[in-house]
Amino acid sequence: MSARVTFYTRPGCHLCDEARTVVAAVCADLGESFEEVDITTDGDLEDRFGEEVPVTFVDGRQHDFWRVDETRLRKALGA
């Protein structure tokens, strides 16, 4: 089964570090997994997301960018 949450980041991004903590905690609590993707490894992703990282997708749809709201993420995951 693939991860329901995809988390797009870039190295050295302090917002990504903060959001990763929320995503990891919520996913662990709900028994979900997440996939983290470094946008600097793909020119198309860099063009698409640029300075909006972190960007979070749930079930293939964009959910948040810059900040991850724990309550919203839990709701999106059906908790």
PDB file of N, CA and C in Angstrom:
ATOM      1  N   MET A   1       0.847  -1.184   0.000  1.00  0.00           N
ATOM      2  CA  MET A   1       0.000   0.000   0.000  1.00  0.00           C
ATOM      3  C   MET A   1       0.883   1.235   0.000  1.00  0.00           C
ATOM      4  N   SER A   2       0.563   2.198  -0.838  1.00  0.00           N
ATOM      5  CA  SER A   2       1.376   3.406  -0.923  1.00  0.00           C
ATOM      6  C   SER A   2       0.951   4.403   0.149  1.00  0.00           C
ATOM      7  N   ALA A   3       1.836   5.330   0.421  1.00  0.00           N
ATOM      8  CA  ALA A   3       1.578   6.347   1.432  1.00  0.00           C
ATOM      9  C   ALA A   3       0.440   7.264   0.999  1.00  0.00           C
ATOM     10  N   ARG A   4      -0.419   7.611   1.936  1.00  0.00           N
ATOM     11  CA  ARG A   4      -1.520   8.541   1.649  1.00  0.00           C
ATOM     12  C   ARG A   4      -1.029   9.986   1.650  1.00  0.00           C
ATOM     13  N   VAL A   5       0.072  10.245   2.342  1.00  0.00           N
ATOM     14  CA  VAL A   5       0.599  11.606   2.471  1.00  0.00           C
ATOM     15  C   VAL A   5       1.925  11.696   1.724  1.00  0.00           C
ATOM     16  N   THR A   6       2.022  12.683   0.860  1.00  0.00           N
ATOM     17  CA  THR A   6       3.278  12.993   0.184  1.00  0.00           C
ATOM     18  C   THR A   6       3.694  14.380   0.637  1.00  0.00           C
ATOM     19  N   PHE A   7       4.941  14.498   1.054  1.00  0.00           N
ATOM     20  CA  PHE A   7       5.464  15.701   1.682  1.00  0.00           C
ATOM     21  C   PHE A   7       6.649  16.189   0.850  1.00  0.00           C
ATOM     22  N   TYR A   8       6.464  17.295   0.121  1.00  0.00           N
ATOM     23  CA  TYR A   8       7.507  17.843  -0.743  1.00  0.00           C
ATOM     24  C   TYR A   8       8.320  18.873   0.036  1.00  0.00           C
ATOM     25  N   THR A   9       9.655  18.700   0.009  1.00  0.00           N
ATOM     26  CA  THR A   9      10.554  19.524   0.810  1.00  0.00           C
ATOM     27  C   THR A   9      11.777  19.935   0.013  1.00  0.00           C
ATOM     28  N   ARG A  10      12.628  20.694   0.677  1.00  0.00           N
ATOM     29  CA  ARG A  10      13.956  20.994   0.145  1.00  0.00           C
ATOM     30  C   ARG A  10      14.910  21.046   1.333  1.00  0.00           C
ATOM     31  N   PRO A  11      16.174  20.686   1.135  1.00  0.00           N
ATOM     32  CA  PRO A  11      17.148  20.739   2.224  1.00  0.00           C
ATOM     33  C   PRO A  11      17.321  22.165   2.750  1.00  0.00           C
ATOM     34  N   GLY A  12      17.540  22.272   4.060  1.00  0.00           N
ATOM     35  CA  GLY A  12      17.801  23.566   4.670  1.00  0.00           C
ATOM     36  C   GLY A  12      16.572  24.424   4.889  1.00  0.00           C
ATOM     37  N   CYS A  13      15.402  23.875   4.691  1.00  0.00           N
ATOM     38  CA  CYS A  13      14.142  24.620   4.817  1.00  0.00           C
ATOM     39  C   CYS A  13      13.618  24.481   6.246  1.00  0.00           C
ATOM     40  N   HIS A  14      13.634  25.579   7.009  1.00  0.00           N
ATOM     41  CA  HIS A  14      13.172  25.499   8.402  1.00  0.00           C
ATOM     42  C   HIS A  14      11.675  25.215   8.495  1.00  0.00           C
ATOM     43  N   LEU A  15      10.881  25.714   7.542  1.00  0.00           N
ATOM     44  CA  LEU A  15       9.452  25.407   7.543  1.00  0.00           C
ATOM     45  C   LEU A  15       9.221  23.919   7.285  1.00  0.00           C
ATOM     46  N   CYS A  16      10.073  23.339   6.450  1.00  0.00           N
ATOM     47  CA  CYS A  16       9.973  21.899   6.168  1.00  0.00           C
ATOM     48  C   CYS A  16      10.249  21.100   7.439  1.00  0.00           C
ATOM     49  N   ASP A  17      11.249  21.533   8.204  1.00  0.00           N
ATOM     50  CA  ASP A  17      11.571  20.833   9.454  1.00  0.00           C
ATOM     51  C   ASP A  17      10.398  20.874  10.419  1.00  0.00           C
ATOM     52  N   GLU A  18       9.771  22.041  10.555  1.00  0.00           N
ATOM     53  CA  GLU A  18       8.620  22.184  11.448  1.00  0.00           C
ATOM     54  C   GLU A  18       7.444  21.336  10.962  1.00  0.00           C
ATOM     55  N   ALA A  19       7.170  21.393   9.667  1.00  0.00           N
ATOM     56  CA  ALA A  19       6.042  20.643   9.108  1.00  0.00           C
ATOM     57  C   ALA A  19       6.278  19.134   9.186  1.00  0.00           C
ATOM     58  N   ARG A  20       7.533  18.709   8.980  1.00  0.00           N
ATOM     59  CA  ARG A  20       7.863  17.277   9.051  1.00  0.00           C
ATOM     60  C   ARG A  20       7.507  16.718  10.429  1.00  0.00           C
ATOM     61  N   THR A  21       7.744  17.488  11.471  1.00  0.00           N
ATOM     62  CA  THR A  21       7.422  17.056  12.829  1.00  0.00           C
ATOM     63  C   THR A  21       5.927  16.791  12.960  1.00  0.00           C
ATOM     64  N   VAL A  22       5.108  17.690  12.412  1.00  0.00           N
ATOM     65  CA  VAL A  22       3.653  17.530  12.480  1.00  0.00           C
ATOM     66  C   VAL A  22       3.201  16.336  11.647  1.00  0.00           C
ATOM     67  N   VAL A  23       3.678  16.259  10.420  1.00  0.00           N
ATOM     68  CA  VAL A  23       3.287  15.162   9.528  1.00  0.00           C
ATOM     69  C   VAL A  23       3.681  13.810  10.135  1.00  0.00           C
ATOM     70  N   ALA A  24       4.899  13.713  10.619  1.00  0.00           N
ATOM     71  CA  ALA A  24       5.368  12.450  11.188  1.00  0.00           C
ATOM     72  C   ALA A  24       4.542  12.055  12.414  1.00  0.00           C
ATOM     73  N   ALA A  25       4.244  13.013  13.275  1.00  0.00           N
ATOM     74  CA  ALA A  25       3.482  12.715  14.494  1.00  0.00           C
ATOM     75  C   ALA A  25       2.055  12.275  14.165  1.00  0.00           C
ATOM     76  N   VAL A  26       1.401  12.998  13.271  1.00  0.00           N
ATOM     77  CA  VAL A  26       0.024  12.661  12.909  1.00  0.00           C
ATOM     78  C   VAL A  26      -0.025  11.302  12.227  1.00  0.00           C
ATOM     79  N   CYS A  27       0.871  11.074  11.285  1.00  0.00           N
ATOM     80  CA  CYS A  27       0.876   9.789  10.573  1.00  0.00           C
ATOM     81  C   CYS A  27       1.164   8.640  11.529  1.00  0.00           C
ATOM     82  N   ALA A  28       2.105   8.819  12.436  1.00  0.00           N
ATOM     83  CA  ALA A  28       2.416   7.766  13.406  1.00  0.00           C
ATOM     84  C   ALA A  28       1.215   7.482  14.299  1.00  0.00           C
ATOM     85  N   ASP A  29       0.566   8.540  14.736  1.00  0.00           N
ATOM     86  CA  ASP A  29      -0.591   8.387  15.619  1.00  0.00           C
ATOM     87  C   ASP A  29      -1.744   7.657  14.936  1.00  0.00           C
ATOM     88  N   LEU A  30      -1.910   7.906  13.633  1.00  0.00           N
ATOM     89  CA  LEU A  30      -3.038   7.321  12.896  1.00  0.00           C
ATOM     90  C   LEU A  30      -2.683   6.045  12.142  1.00  0.00           C
ATOM     91  N   GLY A  31      -1.438   5.617  12.259  1.00  0.00           N
ATOM     92  CA  GLY A  31      -1.023   4.406  11.557  1.00  0.00           C
ATOM     93  C   GLY A  31      -0.878   4.581  10.063  1.00  0.00           C
ATOM     94  N   GLU A  32      -0.639   5.806   9.647  1.00  0.00           N
ATOM     95  CA  GLU A  32      -0.437   6.111   8.218  1.00  0.00           C
ATOM     96  C   GLU A  32       1.054   6.276   7.954  1.00  0.00           C
ATOM     97  N   SER A  33       1.421   6.177   6.702  1.00  0.00           N
ATOM     98  CA  SER A  33       2.804   6.439   6.321  1.00  0.00           C
ATOM     99  C   SER A  33       2.838   7.690   5.461  1.00  0.00           C
ATOM    100  N   PHE A  34       4.024   8.260   5.338  1.00  0.00           N
ATOM    101  CA  PHE A  34       4.179   9.391   4.425  1.00  0.00           C
ATOM    102  C   PHE A  34       5.465   9.224   3.640  1.00  0.00           C
ATOM    103  N   GLU A  35       5.431   9.784   2.455  1.00  0.00           N
ATOM    104  CA  GLU A  35       6.591   9.771   1.571  1.00  0.00           C
ATOM    105  C   GLU A  35       7.122  11.191   1.498  1.00  0.00           C
ATOM    106  N   GLU A  36       8.407  11.355   1.739  1.00  0.00           N
ATOM    107  CA  GLU A  36       9.027  12.678   1.631  1.00  0.00           C
ATOM    108  C   GLU A  36       9.806  12.752   0.330  1.00  0.00           C
ATOM    109  N   VAL A  37       9.594  13.832  -0.428  1.00  0.00           N
ATOM    110  CA  VAL A  37      10.233  14.007  -1.722  1.00  0.00           C
ATOM    111  C   VAL A  37      11.011  15.321  -1.713  1.00  0.00           C
ATOM    112  N   ASP A  38      12.301  15.243  -1.992  1.00  0.00           N
ATOM    113  CA  ASP A  38      13.169  16.418  -2.085  1.00  0.00           C
ATOM    114  C   ASP A  38      13.000  17.010  -3.485  1.00  0.00           C
ATOM    115  N   ILE A  39      12.416  18.210  -3.564  1.00  0.00           N
ATOM    116  CA  ILE A  39      12.136  18.789  -4.880  1.00  0.00           C
ATOM    117  C   ILE A  39      13.399  19.186  -5.634  1.00  0.00           C
ATOM    118  N   THR A  40      14.533  19.306  -4.932  1.00  0.00           N
ATOM    119  CA  THR A  40      15.772  19.703  -5.620  1.00  0.00           C
ATOM    120  C   THR A  40      16.327  18.587  -6.489  1.00  0.00           C
ATOM    121  N   THR A  41      15.757  17.393  -6.391  1.00  0.00           N
ATOM    122  CA  THR A  41      16.215  16.271  -7.211  1.00  0.00           C
ATOM    123  C   THR A  41      15.465  16.181  -8.538  1.00  0.00           C
ATOM    124  N   ASP A  42      14.507  17.083  -8.745  1.00  0.00           N
ATOM    125  CA  ASP A  42      13.659  17.025  -9.938  1.00  0.00           C
ATOM    126  C   ASP A  42      13.320  18.453 -10.378  1.00  0.00           C
ATOM    127  N   GLY A  43      13.827  18.837 -11.533  1.00  0.00           N
ATOM    128  CA  GLY A  43      13.607  20.193 -12.044  1.00  0.00           C
ATOM    129  C   GLY A  43      12.142  20.552 -12.202  1.00  0.00           C
ATOM    130  N   ASP A  44      11.319  19.591 -12.610  1.00  0.00           N
ATOM    131  CA  ASP A  44       9.888  19.854 -12.756  1.00  0.00           C
ATOM    132  C   ASP A  44       9.241  20.163 -11.411  1.00  0.00           C
ATOM    133  N   LEU A  45       9.637  19.430 -10.375  1.00  0.00           N
ATOM    134  CA  LEU A  45       9.087  19.699  -9.042  1.00  0.00           C
ATOM    135  C   LEU A  45       9.553  21.056  -8.523  1.00  0.00           C
ATOM    136  N   GLU A  46      10.808  21.400  -8.789  1.00  0.00           N
ATOM    137  CA  GLU A  46      11.297  22.722  -8.379  1.00  0.00           C
ATOM    138  C   GLU A  46      10.509  23.829  -9.073  1.00  0.00           C
ATOM    139  N   ASP A  47      10.256  23.654 -10.356  1.00  0.00           N
ATOM    140  CA  ASP A  47       9.463  24.647 -11.091  1.00  0.00           C
ATOM    141  C   ASP A  47       8.042  24.724 -10.545  1.00  0.00           C
ATOM    142  N   ARG A  48       7.480  23.582 -10.224  1.00  0.00           N
ATOM    143  CA  ARG A  48       6.087  23.532  -9.768  1.00  0.00           C
ATOM    144  C   ARG A  48       5.903  24.126  -8.371  1.00  0.00           C
ATOM    145  N   PHE A  49       6.798  23.774  -7.437  1.00  0.00           N
ATOM    146  CA  PHE A  49       6.601  24.180  -6.056  1.00  0.00           C
ATOM    147  C   PHE A  49       7.480  25.347  -5.610  1.00  0.00           C
ATOM    148  N   GLY A  50       8.613  25.537  -6.261  1.00  0.00           N
ATOM    149  CA  GLY A  50       9.476  26.673  -5.983  1.00  0.00           C
ATOM    150  C   GLY A  50       9.636  26.990  -4.510  1.00  0.00           C
ATOM    151  N   GLU A  51       9.198  28.177  -4.135  1.00  0.00           N
ATOM    152  CA  GLU A  51       9.339  28.650  -2.757  1.00  0.00           C
ATOM    153  C   GLU A  51       8.133  28.325  -1.890  1.00  0.00           C
ATOM    154  N   GLU A  52       7.212  27.497  -2.374  1.00  0.00           N
ATOM    155  CA  GLU A  52       6.021  27.145  -1.587  1.00  0.00           C
ATOM    156  C   GLU A  52       6.258  25.978  -0.642  1.00  0.00           C
ATOM    157  N   VAL A  53       7.448  25.377  -0.660  1.00  0.00           N
ATOM    158  CA  VAL A  53       7.691  24.235   0.206  1.00  0.00           C
ATOM    159  C   VAL A  53       7.675  24.653   1.666  1.00  0.00           C
ATOM    160  N   PRO A  54       7.283  23.769   2.540  1.00  0.00           N
ATOM    161  CA  PRO A  54       6.834  22.421   2.254  1.00  0.00           C
ATOM    162  C   PRO A  54       5.436  22.401   1.660  1.00  0.00           C
ATOM    163  N   VAL A  55       5.181  21.409   0.838  1.00  0.00           N
ATOM    164  CA  VAL A  55       3.858  21.196   0.259  1.00  0.00           C
ATOM    165  C   VAL A  55       3.425  19.784   0.633  1.00  0.00           C
ATOM    166  N   THR A  56       2.212  19.677   1.134  1.00  0.00           N
ATOM    167  CA  THR A  56       1.692  18.392   1.572  1.00  0.00           C
ATOM    168  C   THR A  56       0.506  17.987   0.707  1.00  0.00           C
ATOM    169  N   PHE A  57       0.530  16.745   0.226  1.00  0.00           N
ATOM    170  CA  PHE A  57      -0.572  16.169  -0.527  1.00  0.00           C
ATOM    171  C   PHE A  57      -1.167  15.028   0.296  1.00  0.00           C
ATOM    172  N   VAL A  58      -2.478  14.905   0.275  1.00  0.00           N
ATOM    173  CA  VAL A  58      -3.171  13.788   0.907  1.00  0.00           C
ATOM    174  C   VAL A  58      -4.008  13.113  -0.171  1.00  0.00           C
ATOM    175  N   ASP A  59      -3.799  11.832  -0.335  1.00  0.00           N
ATOM    176  CA  ASP A  59      -4.515  11.056  -1.351  1.00  0.00           C
ATOM    177  C   ASP A  59      -4.418  11.686  -2.737  1.00  0.00           C
ATOM    178  N   GLY A  60      -3.227  12.206  -3.053  1.00  0.00           N
ATOM    179  CA  GLY A  60      -2.971  12.748  -4.385  1.00  0.00           C
ATOM    180  C   GLY A  60      -3.448  14.166  -4.632  1.00  0.00           C
ATOM    181  N   ARG A  61      -4.031  14.804  -3.621  1.00  0.00           N
ATOM    182  CA  ARG A  61      -4.534  16.180  -3.783  1.00  0.00           C
ATOM    183  C   ARG A  61      -3.780  17.106  -2.842  1.00  0.00           C
ATOM    184  N   GLN A  62      -3.454  18.311  -3.357  1.00  0.00           N
ATOM    185  CA  GLN A  62      -2.719  19.253  -2.512  1.00  0.00           C
ATOM    186  C   GLN A  62      -3.551  19.621  -1.291  1.00  0.00           C
ATOM    187  N   HIS A  63      -2.906  19.551  -0.148  1.00  0.00           N
ATOM    188  CA  HIS A  63      -3.578  19.793   1.126  1.00  0.00           C
ATOM    189  C   HIS A  63      -3.114  21.104   1.758  1.00  0.00           C
ATOM    190  N   ASP A  64      -1.810  21.302   1.900  1.00  0.00           N
ATOM    191  CA  ASP A  64      -1.236  22.482   2.548  1.00  0.00           C
ATOM    192  C   ASP A  64       0.048  22.883   1.856  1.00  0.00           C
ATOM    193  N   PHE A  65       0.466  24.122   2.096  1.00  0.00           N
ATOM    194  CA  PHE A  65       1.822  24.540   1.758  1.00  0.00           C
ATOM    195  C   PHE A  65       2.281  25.533   2.820  1.00  0.00           C
ATOM    196  N   TRP A  66       3.588  25.648   2.967  1.00  0.00           N
ATOM    197  CA  TRP A  66       4.296  26.439   3.981  1.00  0.00           C
ATOM    198  C   TRP A  66       4.114  25.906   5.397  1.00  0.00           C
ATOM    199  N   ARG A  67       2.905  25.727   5.842  1.00  0.00           N
ATOM    200  CA  ARG A  67       2.649  25.231   7.205  1.00  0.00           C
ATOM    201  C   ARG A  67       1.679  24.047   7.119  1.00  0.00           C
ATOM    202  N   VAL A  68       1.788  23.151   8.080  1.00  0.00           N
ATOM    203  CA  VAL A  68       0.863  22.028   8.155  1.00  0.00           C
ATOM    204  C   VAL A  68       0.071  22.166   9.447  1.00  0.00           C
ATOM    205  N   ASP A  69      -1.230  22.272   9.304  1.00  0.00           N
ATOM    206  CA  ASP A  69      -2.115  22.377  10.454  1.00  0.00           C
ATOM    207  C   ASP A  69      -2.474  20.960  10.908  1.00  0.00           C
ATOM    208  N   GLU A  70      -2.121  20.630  12.138  1.00  0.00           N
ATOM    209  CA  GLU A  70      -2.343  19.276  12.643  1.00  0.00           C
ATOM    210  C   GLU A  70      -3.806  18.857  12.586  1.00  0.00           C
ATOM    211  N   THR A  71      -4.699  19.742  12.990  1.00  0.00           N
ATOM    212  CA  THR A  71      -6.127  19.420  13.018  1.00  0.00           C
ATOM    213  C   THR A  71      -6.656  19.152  11.607  1.00  0.00           C
ATOM    214  N   ARG A  72      -6.266  20.001  10.656  1.00  0.00           N
ATOM    215  CA  ARG A  72      -6.697  19.811   9.263  1.00  0.00           C
ATOM    216  C   ARG A  72      -6.178  18.501   8.702  1.00  0.00           C
ATOM    217  N   LEU A  73      -4.914  18.184   9.010  1.00  0.00           N
ATOM    218  CA  LEU A  73      -4.327  16.947   8.491  1.00  0.00           C
ATOM    219  C   LEU A  73      -5.038  15.734   9.078  1.00  0.00           C
ATOM    220  N   ARG A  74      -5.321  15.761  10.358  1.00  0.00           N
ATOM    221  CA  ARG A  74      -6.049  14.654  10.977  1.00  0.00           C
ATOM    222  C   ARG A  74      -7.427  14.484  10.330  1.00  0.00           C
ATOM    223  N   LYS A  75      -8.094  15.587  10.101  1.00  0.00           N
ATOM    224  CA  LYS A  75      -9.419  15.541   9.477  1.00  0.00           C
ATOM    225  C   LYS A  75      -9.328  14.955   8.067  1.00  0.00           C
ATOM    226  N   ALA A  76      -8.334  15.392   7.296  1.00  0.00           N
ATOM    227  CA  ALA A  76      -8.160  14.892   5.926  1.00  0.00           C
ATOM    228  C   ALA A  76      -7.879  13.390   5.898  1.00  0.00           C
ATOM    229  N   LEU A  77      -7.239  12.904   6.949  1.00  0.00           N
ATOM    230  CA  LEU A  77      -6.923  11.481   7.028  1.00  0.00           C
ATOM    231  C   LEU A  77      -8.039  10.680   7.686  1.00  0.00           C
ATOM    232  N   GLY A  78      -9.125  11.376   7.990  1.00  0.00           N
ATOM    233  CA  GLY A  78     -10.307  10.691   8.493  1.00  0.00           C
ATOM    234  C   GLY A  78     -10.329  10.446   9.986  1.00  0.00           C
ATOM    235  N   ALA A  79      -9.503  11.174  10.712  1.00  0.00           N
ATOM    236  CA  ALA A  79      -9.483  10.979  12.186  1.00  0.00           C
ATOM    237  C   ALA A  79     -10.437  11.935  12.873  1.00  0.00           C
TER     238      ALA A  79
END
